[in-house]
Amino acid sequence: MKHNLDSGQFTAIQEAGVEALKNGDRFAQEMRNIYSQRSDICVNASKEMKIEAEKPK
């Protein structure tokens, strides 16, 4: 019985998992937007230095 009561993931990990399931898509989209902006900056800077570059897919 003790094993079933106090075994499992640390509570904070469980709560983080719940939050990720609730808001993970929004967070992932925000990160994709940030990486896209950074990629644009790098590609444009490369082109200004006459380095052939194209935006990753």
N, C-alpha and C. Protein backbone atom coordinates (compact mmCIF):
# COMPACT_ATOMS: atom_id res chain seq x y z
N MET A 1 0.82 -1.18 0.00
CA MET A 1 0.00 0.00 0.00
C MET A 1 0.87 1.26 0.00
N LYS A 2 1.94 1.28 0.80
CA LYS A 2 2.81 2.44 0.84
C LYS A 2 3.35 2.75 -0.55
N HIS A 3 3.75 1.75 -1.26
CA HIS A 3 4.30 1.95 -2.60
C HIS A 3 3.31 2.70 -3.48
N ASN A 4 2.05 2.39 -3.42
CA ASN A 4 1.05 3.05 -4.25
C ASN A 4 0.74 4.47 -3.80
N LEU A 5 1.00 4.79 -2.55
CA LEU A 5 0.69 6.13 -2.05
C LEU A 5 1.78 7.15 -2.32
N ASP A 6 3.03 6.75 -2.23
CA ASP A 6 4.09 7.75 -2.35
C ASP A 6 5.05 7.51 -3.51
N SER A 7 4.70 6.67 -4.41
CA SER A 7 5.54 6.45 -5.59
C SER A 7 5.03 7.30 -6.74
N GLY A 8 5.88 7.58 -7.65
CA GLY A 8 5.49 8.35 -8.82
C GLY A 8 6.38 9.56 -9.00
N GLN A 9 6.04 10.33 -10.00
CA GLN A 9 6.82 11.51 -10.31
C GLN A 9 6.66 12.57 -9.22
N PHE A 10 7.70 13.33 -9.04
CA PHE A 10 7.71 14.47 -8.14
C PHE A 10 6.55 15.39 -8.53
N THR A 11 5.83 15.93 -7.57
CA THR A 11 4.63 16.73 -7.84
C THR A 11 4.89 17.86 -8.82
N ALA A 12 6.02 18.54 -8.68
CA ALA A 12 6.32 19.65 -9.59
C ALA A 12 6.42 19.16 -11.03
N ILE A 13 6.95 17.96 -11.25
CA ILE A 13 7.05 17.39 -12.59
C ILE A 13 5.65 17.10 -13.12
N GLN A 14 4.78 16.58 -12.29
CA GLN A 14 3.41 16.31 -12.71
C GLN A 14 2.70 17.61 -13.09
N GLU A 15 2.88 18.64 -12.29
CA GLU A 15 2.25 19.93 -12.58
C GLU A 15 2.81 20.54 -13.87
N ALA A 16 4.10 20.39 -14.09
CA ALA A 16 4.71 20.89 -15.32
C ALA A 16 4.14 20.14 -16.53
N GLY A 17 3.92 18.84 -16.38
CA GLY A 17 3.33 18.05 -17.46
C GLY A 17 1.92 18.51 -17.78
N VAL A 18 1.13 18.80 -16.77
CA VAL A 18 -0.23 19.31 -16.97
C VAL A 18 -0.18 20.63 -17.72
N GLU A 19 0.70 21.52 -17.30
CA GLU A 19 0.83 22.82 -17.95
C GLU A 19 1.25 22.66 -19.41
N ALA A 20 2.18 21.75 -19.67
CA ALA A 20 2.63 21.52 -21.04
C ALA A 20 1.50 20.99 -21.91
N LEU A 21 0.68 20.11 -21.35
CA LEU A 21 -0.44 19.58 -22.12
C LEU A 21 -1.49 20.66 -22.39
N LYS A 22 -1.67 21.56 -21.44
CA LYS A 22 -2.66 22.62 -21.61
C LYS A 22 -2.18 23.71 -22.57
N ASN A 23 -0.90 24.10 -22.48
CA ASN A 23 -0.40 25.27 -23.21
C ASN A 23 0.78 24.98 -24.12
N GLY A 24 1.11 23.73 -24.33
CA GLY A 24 2.30 23.38 -25.11
C GLY A 24 2.28 23.89 -26.53
N ASP A 25 1.12 23.84 -27.18
CA ASP A 25 1.04 24.30 -28.56
C ASP A 25 1.32 25.79 -28.68
N ARG A 26 0.78 26.57 -27.76
CA ARG A 26 1.00 28.01 -27.76
C ARG A 26 2.47 28.33 -27.56
N PHE A 27 3.09 27.63 -26.60
CA PHE A 27 4.50 27.84 -26.31
C PHE A 27 5.36 27.47 -27.52
N ALA A 28 5.05 26.35 -28.13
CA ALA A 28 5.83 25.90 -29.30
C ALA A 28 5.72 26.91 -30.43
N GLN A 29 4.54 27.45 -30.66
CA GLN A 29 4.36 28.45 -31.72
C GLN A 29 5.17 29.70 -31.42
N GLU A 30 5.17 30.14 -30.17
CA GLU A 30 5.97 31.31 -29.79
C GLU A 30 7.45 31.06 -30.07
N MET A 31 7.93 29.87 -29.73
CA MET A 31 9.34 29.54 -29.96
C MET A 31 9.66 29.50 -31.46
N ARG A 32 8.75 28.93 -32.25
CA ARG A 32 8.96 28.90 -33.71
C ARG A 32 9.05 30.31 -34.26
N ASN A 33 8.21 31.21 -33.77
CA ASN A 33 8.26 32.61 -34.22
C ASN A 33 9.58 33.26 -33.87
N ILE A 34 10.07 33.04 -32.67
CA ILE A 34 11.36 33.60 -32.25
C ILE A 34 12.49 33.06 -33.12
N TYR A 35 12.52 31.74 -33.34
CA TYR A 35 13.58 31.16 -34.16
C TYR A 35 13.50 31.64 -35.61
N SER A 36 12.30 31.85 -36.11
CA SER A 36 12.13 32.36 -37.47
C SER A 36 12.70 33.78 -37.58
N GLN A 37 12.42 34.61 -36.59
CA GLN A 37 12.95 35.98 -36.59
C GLN A 37 14.47 35.96 -36.53
N ARG A 38 15.03 35.12 -35.70
CA ARG A 38 16.49 35.02 -35.59
C ARG A 38 17.10 34.52 -36.90
N SER A 39 16.43 33.57 -37.51
CA SER A 39 16.91 33.04 -38.78
C SER A 39 16.93 34.14 -39.84
N ASP A 40 15.86 34.94 -39.89
CA ASP A 40 15.80 36.05 -40.85
C ASP A 40 16.97 37.01 -40.65
N ILE A 41 17.27 37.31 -39.39
CA ILE A 41 18.38 38.22 -39.09
C ILE A 41 19.70 37.65 -39.61
N CYS A 42 19.94 36.36 -39.37
CA CYS A 42 21.19 35.73 -39.79
C CYS A 42 21.29 35.66 -41.31
N VAL A 43 20.20 35.28 -41.97
CA VAL A 43 20.22 35.17 -43.43
C VAL A 43 20.45 36.55 -44.05
N ASN A 44 19.75 37.56 -43.55
CA ASN A 44 19.93 38.91 -44.09
C ASN A 44 21.35 39.43 -43.86
N ALA A 45 21.89 39.18 -42.69
CA ALA A 45 23.26 39.62 -42.40
C ALA A 45 24.25 38.91 -43.32
N SER A 46 24.03 37.63 -43.55
CA SER A 46 24.92 36.88 -44.45
C SER A 46 24.86 37.46 -45.86
N LYS A 47 23.67 37.74 -46.34
CA LYS A 47 23.52 38.30 -47.69
C LYS A 47 24.20 39.67 -47.79
N GLU A 48 24.09 40.48 -46.74
CA GLU A 48 24.75 41.79 -46.74
C GLU A 48 26.26 41.66 -46.83
N MET A 49 26.80 40.55 -46.31
CA MET A 49 28.24 40.31 -46.36
C MET A 49 28.62 39.54 -47.62
N LYS A 50 27.67 39.43 -48.55
CA LYS A 50 27.88 38.74 -49.83
C LYS A 50 28.15 37.25 -49.64
N ILE A 51 27.54 36.69 -48.60
CA ILE A 51 27.61 35.24 -48.34
C ILE A 51 26.29 34.64 -48.80
N GLU A 52 26.37 33.66 -49.66
CA GLU A 52 25.15 33.04 -50.17
C GLU A 52 24.42 32.32 -49.03
N ALA A 53 23.17 32.66 -48.85
CA ALA A 53 22.40 32.05 -47.76
C ALA A 53 20.92 32.05 -48.14
N GLU A 54 20.22 31.06 -47.64
CA GLU A 54 18.78 31.03 -47.81
C GLU A 54 18.15 30.56 -46.51
N LYS A 55 16.94 30.97 -46.29
CA LYS A 55 16.25 30.65 -45.04
C LYS A 55 15.98 29.16 -44.96
N PRO A 56 16.30 28.54 -43.82
CA PRO A 56 15.99 27.11 -43.62
C PRO A 56 14.48 26.89 -43.63
N LYS A 57 14.10 25.69 -43.96
CA LYS A 57 12.66 25.36 -44.00
C LYS A 57 12.14 25.03 -42.65
